[in-house]
Amino acid sequence: MDKILRSKSLPDLLKVMLVYFKGNGFSASFYFSAPPGTHGNTPQGLIEPVHHGLSREVVEAYLSANFQRLDVVPRTAMALGVPVRWTEAWQSVDTTPEEQGFLKMMQELEIGDGYTIPCYGPSGHDGYVGIGKMTESARTDENTLREMHLAAQAAHLRICEFTASSHAGERPLSMREREVLDWVARGKSNSVIAEILGISAGTVDTYLRRIYEKLDVADRTSAAVRGIGMGLIAA
C-alpha cells in the first residue's frame, strides 16, 4: 500500500503491481478503465487496456472481439463486487451464441484460467484487473484474494488521481468557479451562493454548468466529491 501511494506516475505504479501479482503466482495481468461518459472509445483518460505477460496474438484477438460486450467475466465481477475466477464466471451465467463464440476463441488461444478483480472509482470511473497464467504455487485462498482486491482497488484509485490531475491541468477551474464549487460543497443553494458572492442566481447557474463540464459530472454532489478529490476545494 505504501508503494502504491508513493507512486508518482502510471509506469511506476504498474511496475509495483506487476511485482506484487507475480509474487502471488500470477505472471500475466490486464487492466482496463474508462472514465465516466467516455464509453471506452475516446482518447480521454486511460482507455487502452494495459497488459503484461500476454502474447500479442492473445491481446489483439481479445481487443478485436468486442470484449466489452462479449466477455461476461468483468460484468459478473463488477456486479458481485468480489474477485471472480474466469471458469466459474462462465459457468454461472446463461450465455448467448456470440458470447459462447468469444469463449471458444479464448479457449483456443489457450489463455488458461485466472481471476478478474473489480475496481470502483469516483463518479462511475470504474475498471477491472485481470490476473492469469497461474503458477502451481499461485495463492488463491480467500485471504489472499481479499488482499489482492484491496491492492487493486488502491491502485485504481491512484490511477483515478493521475487521470483527474491530468484533466484538471487541461481545463482548470477559475477562481470564481472554485468559490462557487466550495459553497456548493457546503450545501448552499444557488440563491444563497448568489447573495454571498454578490452576483445573480442565473450567473451562479452558468458557473455551475461550466464546473459540471470541466469536472465531467452531472450533479452537485458529484461535483463536490470530484472537487475535493482533485484538491480544488477543501474537504
C-alpha atoms as a PDB file:
ATOM      1  CA  MET A   1       0.000   0.000   0.000  1.00  0.00           C
ATOM      2  CA  ASP A   2       2.864   2.340   0.811  1.00  0.00           C
ATOM      3  CA  LYS A   3       4.441   1.754  -2.612  1.00  0.00           C
ATOM      4  CA  ILE A   4       1.082   2.367  -4.321  1.00  0.00           C
ATOM      5  CA  LEU A   5       0.605   5.663  -2.501  1.00  0.00           C
ATOM      6  CA  ARG A   6       4.179   6.778  -3.205  1.00  0.00           C
ATOM      7  CA  SER A   7       3.958   6.042  -6.943  1.00  0.00           C
ATOM      8  CA  LYS A   8       4.421   9.272  -8.880  1.00  0.00           C
ATOM      9  CA  SER A   9       3.343   8.069 -12.317  1.00  0.00           C
ATOM     10  CA  LEU A  10       1.381   5.346 -14.065  1.00  0.00           C
ATOM     11  CA  PRO A  11       4.537   3.433 -15.171  1.00  0.00           C
ATOM     12  CA  ASP A  12       5.839   3.432 -11.590  1.00  0.00           C
ATOM     13  CA  LEU A  13       2.531   2.146 -10.288  1.00  0.00           C
ATOM     14  CA  LEU A  14       2.274  -0.602 -12.905  1.00  0.00           C
ATOM     15  CA  LYS A  15       5.753  -1.881 -12.009  1.00  0.00           C
ATOM     16  CA  VAL A  16       4.694  -2.138  -8.368  1.00  0.00           C
ATOM     17  CA  MET A  17       1.562  -4.093  -9.233  1.00  0.00           C
ATOM     18  CA  LEU A  18       3.346  -6.463 -11.645  1.00  0.00           C
ATOM     19  CA  VAL A  19       5.847  -7.447  -8.968  1.00  0.00           C
ATOM     20  CA  TYR A  20       3.026  -7.863  -6.454  1.00  0.00           C
ATOM     21  CA  PHE A  21       0.884 -10.138  -8.630  1.00  0.00           C
ATOM     22  CA  LYS A  22       3.910 -12.191  -9.687  1.00  0.00           C
ATOM     23  CA  GLY A  23       4.726 -12.674  -6.024  1.00  0.00           C
ATOM     24  CA  ASN A  24       1.299 -14.230  -5.598  1.00  0.00           C
ATOM     25  CA  GLY A  25       1.813 -16.617  -8.519  1.00  0.00           C
ATOM     26  CA  PHE A  26       0.226 -14.727 -11.453  1.00  0.00           C
ATOM     27  CA  SER A  27       2.643 -13.889 -14.272  1.00  0.00           C
ATOM     28  CA  ALA A  28       0.101 -12.169 -16.558  1.00  0.00           C
ATOM     29  CA  SER A  29      -2.052  -9.160 -15.775  1.00  0.00           C
ATOM     30  CA  PHE A  30      -4.534  -6.925 -17.562  1.00  0.00           C
ATOM     31  CA  TYR A  31      -6.097  -3.602 -16.553  1.00  0.00           C
ATOM     32  CA  PHE A  32      -8.927  -1.696 -18.188  1.00  0.00           C
ATOM     33  CA  SER A  33     -10.580   1.542 -17.119  1.00  0.00           C
ATOM     34  CA  ALA A  34     -12.799   4.067 -18.876  1.00  0.00           C
ATOM     35  CA  PRO A  35     -13.681   7.403 -17.225  1.00  0.00           C
ATOM     36  CA  PRO A  36     -17.446   8.068 -16.965  1.00  0.00           C
ATOM     37  CA  GLY A  37     -19.036   9.334 -20.146  1.00  0.00           C
ATOM     38  CA  THR A  38     -16.239   8.145 -22.464  1.00  0.00           C
ATOM     39  CA  HIS A  39     -17.747   4.713 -23.258  1.00  0.00           C
ATOM     40  CA  GLY A  40     -14.256   3.299 -23.716  1.00  0.00           C
ATOM     41  CA  ASN A  41     -13.707   4.709 -27.201  1.00  0.00           C
ATOM     42  CA  THR A  42     -12.157   8.155 -26.798  1.00  0.00           C
ATOM     43  CA  PRO A  43      -8.605   9.224 -26.033  1.00  0.00           C
ATOM     44  CA  GLN A  44      -9.640  10.925 -22.765  1.00  0.00           C
ATOM     45  CA  GLY A  45      -8.193   9.285 -19.662  1.00  0.00           C
ATOM     46  CA  LEU A  46      -6.866   5.733 -19.560  1.00  0.00           C
ATOM     47  CA  ILE A  47      -8.853   3.827 -22.181  1.00  0.00           C
ATOM     48  CA  GLU A  48      -6.433   1.440 -23.892  1.00  0.00           C
ATOM     49  CA  PRO A  49      -6.082  -1.730 -21.787  1.00  0.00           C
ATOM     50  CA  VAL A  50      -2.719  -2.130 -20.058  1.00  0.00           C
ATOM     51  CA  HIS A  51      -1.351  -5.663 -20.152  1.00  0.00           C
ATOM     52  CA  HIS A  52       1.739  -7.683 -19.274  1.00  0.00           C
ATOM     53  CA  GLY A  53       2.725 -11.301 -19.803  1.00  0.00           C
ATOM     54  CA  LEU A  54       0.229 -11.956 -22.615  1.00  0.00           C
ATOM     55  CA  SER A  55       1.212 -12.709 -26.212  1.00  0.00           C
ATOM     56  CA  ARG A  56       0.483 -10.206 -28.966  1.00  0.00           C
ATOM     57  CA  GLU A  57      -1.843 -12.769 -30.562  1.00  0.00           C
ATOM     58  CA  VAL A  58      -3.960 -13.061 -27.397  1.00  0.00           C
ATOM     59  CA  VAL A  59      -4.137  -9.312 -26.833  1.00  0.00           C
ATOM     60  CA  GLU A  60      -5.080  -8.488 -30.425  1.00  0.00           C
ATOM     61  CA  ALA A  61      -7.717 -11.238 -30.504  1.00  0.00           C
ATOM     62  CA  TYR A  62      -9.248 -10.029 -27.253  1.00  0.00           C
ATOM     63  CA  LEU A  63      -9.349  -6.373 -28.273  1.00  0.00           C
ATOM     64  CA  SER A  64     -10.740  -7.076 -31.738  1.00  0.00           C
ATOM     65  CA  ALA A  65     -13.543  -9.325 -30.455  1.00  0.00           C
ATOM     66  CA  ASN A  66     -15.699  -6.605 -28.856  1.00  0.00           C
ATOM     67  CA  PHE A  67     -14.585  -7.765 -25.421  1.00  0.00           C
ATOM     68  CA  GLN A  68     -16.529  -5.019 -23.616  1.00  0.00           C
ATOM     69  CA  ARG A  69     -19.777  -6.609 -24.806  1.00  0.00           C
ATOM     70  CA  LEU A  70     -18.924 -10.315 -25.059  1.00  0.00           C
ATOM     71  CA  ASP A  71     -16.674 -11.039 -22.078  1.00  0.00           C
ATOM     72  CA  VAL A  72     -19.104 -11.952 -19.285  1.00  0.00           C
ATOM     73  CA  VAL A  73     -16.406 -12.140 -16.601  1.00  0.00           C
ATOM     74  CA  PRO A  74     -15.841  -8.384 -15.983  1.00  0.00           C
ATOM     75  CA  ARG A  75     -19.525  -7.570 -15.677  1.00  0.00           C
ATOM     76  CA  THR A  76     -20.027 -10.566 -13.382  1.00  0.00           C
ATOM     77  CA  ALA A  77     -17.177  -9.369 -11.163  1.00  0.00           C
ATOM     78  CA  MET A  78     -18.443  -5.768 -11.200  1.00  0.00           C
ATOM     79  CA  ALA A  79     -21.937  -6.916 -10.231  1.00  0.00           C
ATOM     80  CA  LEU A  80     -20.742  -9.163  -7.407  1.00  0.00           C
ATOM     81  CA  GLY A  81     -18.057  -6.780  -6.146  1.00  0.00           C
ATOM     82  CA  VAL A  82     -15.507  -9.532  -5.494  1.00  0.00           C
ATOM     83  CA  PRO A  83     -12.705 -11.267  -7.433  1.00  0.00           C
ATOM     84  CA  VAL A  84     -14.204 -13.840  -9.804  1.00  0.00           C
ATOM     85  CA  ARG A  85     -12.488 -16.880 -11.291  1.00  0.00           C
ATOM     86  CA  TRP A  86     -12.858 -16.937 -15.063  1.00  0.00           C
ATOM     87  CA  THR A  87     -14.037 -20.545 -15.426  1.00  0.00           C
ATOM     88  CA  GLU A  88     -16.567 -20.159 -12.621  1.00  0.00           C
ATOM     89  CA  ALA A  89     -17.968 -16.923 -14.050  1.00  0.00           C
ATOM     90  CA  TRP A  90     -18.628 -18.512 -17.452  1.00  0.00           C
ATOM     91  CA  GLN A  91     -20.310 -21.486 -15.793  1.00  0.00           C
ATOM     92  CA  SER A  92     -22.578 -19.287 -13.678  1.00  0.00           C
ATOM     93  CA  VAL A  93     -24.401 -17.420 -16.468  1.00  0.00           C
ATOM     94  CA  ASP A  94     -26.570 -18.235 -19.461  1.00  0.00           C
ATOM     95  CA  THR A  95     -24.554 -17.148 -22.480  1.00  0.00           C
ATOM     96  CA  THR A  96     -25.624 -16.044 -25.940  1.00  0.00           C
ATOM     97  CA  PRO A  97     -24.236 -17.713 -29.083  1.00  0.00           C
ATOM     98  CA  GLU A  98     -21.957 -14.702 -29.593  1.00  0.00           C
ATOM     99  CA  GLU A  99     -20.621 -14.958 -26.057  1.00  0.00           C
ATOM    100  CA  GLN A 100     -20.076 -18.697 -26.488  1.00  0.00           C
ATOM    101  CA  GLY A 101     -18.116 -17.955 -29.663  1.00  0.00           C
ATOM    102  CA  PHE A 102     -15.971 -15.459 -27.773  1.00  0.00           C
ATOM    103  CA  LEU A 103     -15.269 -18.038 -25.048  1.00  0.00           C
ATOM    104  CA  LYS A 104     -14.354 -20.691 -27.611  1.00  0.00           C
ATOM    105  CA  MET A 105     -11.942 -18.299 -29.292  1.00  0.00           C
ATOM    106  CA  MET A 106     -10.212 -17.517 -25.998  1.00  0.00           C
ATOM    107  CA  GLN A 107     -10.006 -21.222 -25.126  1.00  0.00           C
ATOM    108  CA  GLU A 108      -8.381 -21.965 -28.489  1.00  0.00           C
ATOM    109  CA  LEU A 109      -5.770 -19.333 -27.691  1.00  0.00           C
ATOM    110  CA  GLU A 110      -5.027 -21.302 -24.515  1.00  0.00           C
ATOM    111  CA  ILE A 111      -5.355 -18.259 -22.316  1.00  0.00           C
ATOM    112  CA  GLY A 112      -5.896 -20.515 -19.314  1.00  0.00           C
ATOM    113  CA  ASP A 113      -7.642 -19.590 -16.095  1.00  0.00           C
ATOM    114  CA  GLY A 114      -7.356 -16.623 -13.768  1.00  0.00           C
ATOM    115  CA  TYR A 115      -9.288 -14.003 -11.843  1.00  0.00           C
ATOM    116  CA  THR A 116     -10.928 -10.685 -12.633  1.00  0.00           C
ATOM    117  CA  ILE A 117     -10.870  -8.129  -9.816  1.00  0.00           C
ATOM    118  CA  PRO A 118     -13.454  -5.301  -9.861  1.00  0.00           C
ATOM    119  CA  CYS A 119     -12.363  -1.754  -9.037  1.00  0.00           C
ATOM    120  CA  TYR A 120     -14.600   1.224  -8.321  1.00  0.00           C
ATOM    121  CA  GLY A 121     -13.798   4.917  -8.526  1.00  0.00           C
ATOM    122  CA  PRO A 122     -15.351   8.376  -8.158  1.00  0.00           C
ATOM    123  CA  SER A 123     -18.391   9.290 -10.253  1.00  0.00           C
ATOM    124  CA  GLY A 124     -18.535   5.923 -12.001  1.00  0.00           C
ATOM    125  CA  HIS A 125     -14.867   5.821 -13.019  1.00  0.00           C
ATOM    126  CA  ASP A 126     -14.677   2.045 -12.643  1.00  0.00           C
ATOM    127  CA  GLY A 127     -12.314  -0.576 -14.000  1.00  0.00           C
ATOM    128  CA  TYR A 128     -11.054  -4.092 -13.501  1.00  0.00           C
ATOM    129  CA  VAL A 129      -7.842  -6.066 -13.198  1.00  0.00           C
ATOM    130  CA  GLY A 130      -7.363  -9.470 -14.779  1.00  0.00           C
ATOM    131  CA  ILE A 131      -4.642 -11.787 -13.468  1.00  0.00           C
ATOM    132  CA  GLY A 132      -3.723 -15.058 -15.174  1.00  0.00           C
ATOM    133  CA  LYS A 133      -1.009 -17.563 -16.060  1.00  0.00           C
ATOM    134  CA  MET A 134      -1.324 -19.085 -12.629  1.00  0.00           C
ATOM    135  CA  THR A 135       1.710 -20.991 -11.400  1.00  0.00           C
ATOM    136  CA  GLU A 136       1.437 -24.153  -9.317  1.00  0.00           C
ATOM    137  CA  SER A 137       2.165 -22.066  -6.238  1.00  0.00           C
ATOM    138  CA  ALA A 138      -0.428 -19.381  -7.060  1.00  0.00           C
ATOM    139  CA  ARG A 139      -2.177 -18.142  -3.934  1.00  0.00           C
ATOM    140  CA  THR A 140      -5.951 -18.351  -4.391  1.00  0.00           C
ATOM    141  CA  ASP A 141      -7.130 -18.662  -0.792  1.00  0.00           C
ATOM    142  CA  GLU A 142      -9.822 -16.294   0.428  1.00  0.00           C
ATOM    143  CA  ASN A 143      -7.483 -14.075   2.439  1.00  0.00           C
ATOM    144  CA  THR A 144      -5.032 -13.595  -0.441  1.00  0.00           C
ATOM    145  CA  LEU A 145      -7.841 -12.836  -2.898  1.00  0.00           C
ATOM    146  CA  ARG A 146      -9.183 -10.269  -0.466  1.00  0.00           C
ATOM    147  CA  GLU A 147      -5.736  -8.735  -0.096  1.00  0.00           C
ATOM    148  CA  MET A 148      -5.239  -8.576  -3.891  1.00  0.00           C
ATOM    149  CA  HIS A 149      -8.655  -6.957  -4.203  1.00  0.00           C
ATOM    150  CA  LEU A 150      -7.652  -4.245  -1.720  1.00  0.00           C
ATOM    151  CA  ALA A 151      -4.360  -3.684  -3.548  1.00  0.00           C
ATOM    152  CA  ALA A 152      -6.058  -3.492  -6.958  1.00  0.00           C
ATOM    153  CA  GLN A 153      -8.670  -1.078  -5.609  1.00  0.00           C
ATOM    154  CA  ALA A 154      -5.979   1.159  -4.105  1.00  0.00           C
ATOM    155  CA  ALA A 155      -4.037   1.139  -7.380  1.00  0.00           C
ATOM    156  CA  HIS A 156      -7.176   2.001  -9.342  1.00  0.00           C
ATOM    157  CA  LEU A 157      -7.921   4.973  -7.086  1.00  0.00           C
ATOM    158  CA  ARG A 158      -4.331   6.142  -7.541  1.00  0.00           C
ATOM    159  CA  ILE A 159      -4.815   5.951 -11.310  1.00  0.00           C
ATOM    160  CA  CYS A 160      -8.035   7.961 -10.922  1.00  0.00           C
ATOM    161  CA  GLU A 161      -5.949  10.614  -9.144  1.00  0.00           C
ATOM    162  CA  PHE A 162      -3.435  10.685 -12.018  1.00  0.00           C
ATOM    163  CA  THR A 163      -6.264  10.987 -14.547  1.00  0.00           C
ATOM    164  CA  ALA A 164      -8.107  13.677 -12.589  1.00  0.00           C
ATOM    165  CA  SER A 165      -4.918  15.718 -12.207  1.00  0.00           C
ATOM    166  CA  SER A 166      -4.323  15.467 -15.945  1.00  0.00           C
ATOM    167  CA  HIS A 167      -7.853  16.647 -16.720  1.00  0.00           C
ATOM    168  CA  ALA A 168      -7.603  19.453 -14.197  1.00  0.00           C
ATOM    169  CA  GLY A 169      -4.449  20.704 -15.879  1.00  0.00           C
ATOM    170  CA  GLU A 170      -6.166  20.743 -19.245  1.00  0.00           C
ATOM    171  CA  ARG A 171      -9.322  22.536 -18.053  1.00  0.00           C
ATOM    172  CA  PRO A 172      -8.620  24.235 -14.705  1.00  0.00           C
ATOM    173  CA  LEU A 173     -11.384  25.892 -12.739  1.00  0.00           C
ATOM    174  CA  SER A 174     -11.223  29.656 -12.457  1.00  0.00           C
ATOM    175  CA  MET A 175     -11.024  31.253  -9.015  1.00  0.00           C
ATOM    176  CA  ARG A 176     -14.706  32.199  -9.211  1.00  0.00           C
ATOM    177  CA  GLU A 177     -15.668  28.668 -10.244  1.00  0.00           C
ATOM    178  CA  ARG A 178     -13.740  27.318  -7.254  1.00  0.00           C
ATOM    179  CA  GLU A 179     -15.603  29.744  -4.996  1.00  0.00           C
ATOM    180  CA  VAL A 180     -18.944  28.539  -6.339  1.00  0.00           C
ATOM    181  CA  LEU A 181     -17.908  24.894  -6.012  1.00  0.00           C
ATOM    182  CA  ASP A 182     -16.726  25.474  -2.450  1.00  0.00           C
ATOM    183  CA  TRP A 183     -20.130  26.852  -1.438  1.00  0.00           C
ATOM    184  CA  VAL A 184     -21.877  24.025  -3.288  1.00  0.00           C
ATOM    185  CA  ALA A 185     -19.824  21.558  -1.253  1.00  0.00           C
ATOM    186  CA  ARG A 186     -21.026  23.340   1.892  1.00  0.00           C
ATOM    187  CA  GLY A 187     -24.620  22.665   0.887  1.00  0.00           C
ATOM    188  CA  LYS A 188     -25.613  26.180  -0.168  1.00  0.00           C
ATOM    189  CA  SER A 189     -28.302  26.721  -2.803  1.00  0.00           C
ATOM    190  CA  ASN A 190     -27.754  28.817  -5.931  1.00  0.00           C
ATOM    191  CA  SER A 191     -29.732  31.734  -4.487  1.00  0.00           C
ATOM    192  CA  VAL A 192     -27.728  31.728  -1.254  1.00  0.00           C
ATOM    193  CA  ILE A 193     -24.428  31.479  -3.176  1.00  0.00           C
ATOM    194  CA  ALA A 194     -25.540  34.398  -5.345  1.00  0.00           C
ATOM    195  CA  GLU A 195     -26.224  36.504  -2.255  1.00  0.00           C
ATOM    196  CA  ILE A 196     -22.869  35.590  -0.680  1.00  0.00           C
ATOM    197  CA  LEU A 197     -20.875  36.392  -3.836  1.00  0.00           C
ATOM    198  CA  GLY A 198     -22.945  39.412  -4.857  1.00  0.00           C
ATOM    199  CA  ILE A 199     -23.979  38.003  -8.240  1.00  0.00           C
ATOM    200  CA  SER A 200     -27.261  36.817  -9.734  1.00  0.00           C
ATOM    201  CA  ALA A 201     -28.619  33.298  -9.297  1.00  0.00           C
ATOM    202  CA  GLY A 202     -28.518  32.939 -13.075  1.00  0.00           C
ATOM    203  CA  THR A 203     -24.804  33.679 -13.085  1.00  0.00           C
ATOM    204  CA  VAL A 204     -24.270  31.049 -10.385  1.00  0.00           C
ATOM    205  CA  ASP A 205     -26.150  28.570 -12.560  1.00  0.00           C
ATOM    206  CA  THR A 206     -23.871  29.421 -15.503  1.00  0.00           C
ATOM    207  CA  TYR A 207     -20.774  28.878 -13.370  1.00  0.00           C
ATOM    208  CA  LEU A 208     -22.177  25.583 -12.150  1.00  0.00           C
ATOM    209  CA  ARG A 209     -22.773  24.328 -15.700  1.00  0.00           C
ATOM    210  CA  ARG A 210     -19.158  25.169 -16.570  1.00  0.00           C
ATOM    211  CA  ILE A 211     -17.976  23.318 -13.461  1.00  0.00           C
ATOM    212  CA  TYR A 212     -20.008  20.224 -14.411  1.00  0.00           C
ATOM    213  CA  GLU A 213     -18.487  20.246 -17.893  1.00  0.00           C
ATOM    214  CA  LYS A 214     -14.906  20.693 -16.707  1.00  0.00           C
ATOM    215  CA  LEU A 215     -15.162  18.028 -13.998  1.00  0.00           C
ATOM    216  CA  ASP A 216     -17.164  15.642 -16.201  1.00  0.00           C
ATOM    217  CA  VAL A 217     -20.029  15.293 -13.709  1.00  0.00           C
ATOM    218  CA  ALA A 218     -23.784  15.804 -13.860  1.00  0.00           C
ATOM    219  CA  ASP A 219     -24.884  16.867 -10.369  1.00  0.00           C
ATOM    220  CA  ARG A 220     -23.901  18.987  -7.366  1.00  0.00           C
ATOM    221  CA  THR A 221     -22.876  16.110  -5.120  1.00  0.00           C
ATOM    222  CA  SER A 222     -20.578  14.558  -7.747  1.00  0.00           C
ATOM    223  CA  ALA A 223     -19.042  17.971  -8.448  1.00  0.00           C
ATOM    224  CA  ALA A 224     -18.277  18.463  -4.763  1.00  0.00           C
ATOM    225  CA  VAL A 225     -16.791  14.979  -4.384  1.00  0.00           C
ATOM    226  CA  ARG A 226     -14.685  15.351  -7.534  1.00  0.00           C
ATOM    227  CA  GLY A 227     -13.517  18.825  -6.459  1.00  0.00           C
ATOM    228  CA  ILE A 228     -12.400  17.549  -3.054  1.00  0.00           C
ATOM    229  CA  GLY A 229     -10.736  14.511  -4.600  1.00  0.00           C
ATOM    230  CA  MET A 230      -8.794  16.707  -7.043  1.00  0.00           C
ATOM    231  CA  GLY A 231      -7.722  19.118  -4.322  1.00  0.00           C
ATOM    232  CA  LEU A 232      -9.646  22.021  -5.865  1.00  0.00           C
ATOM    233  CA  ILE A 233     -11.511  22.728  -2.639  1.00  0.00           C
ATOM    234  CA  ALA A 234     -11.051  21.738   0.990  1.00  0.00           C
ATOM    235  CA  ALA A 235     -12.926  18.775   2.444  1.00  0.00           C
END
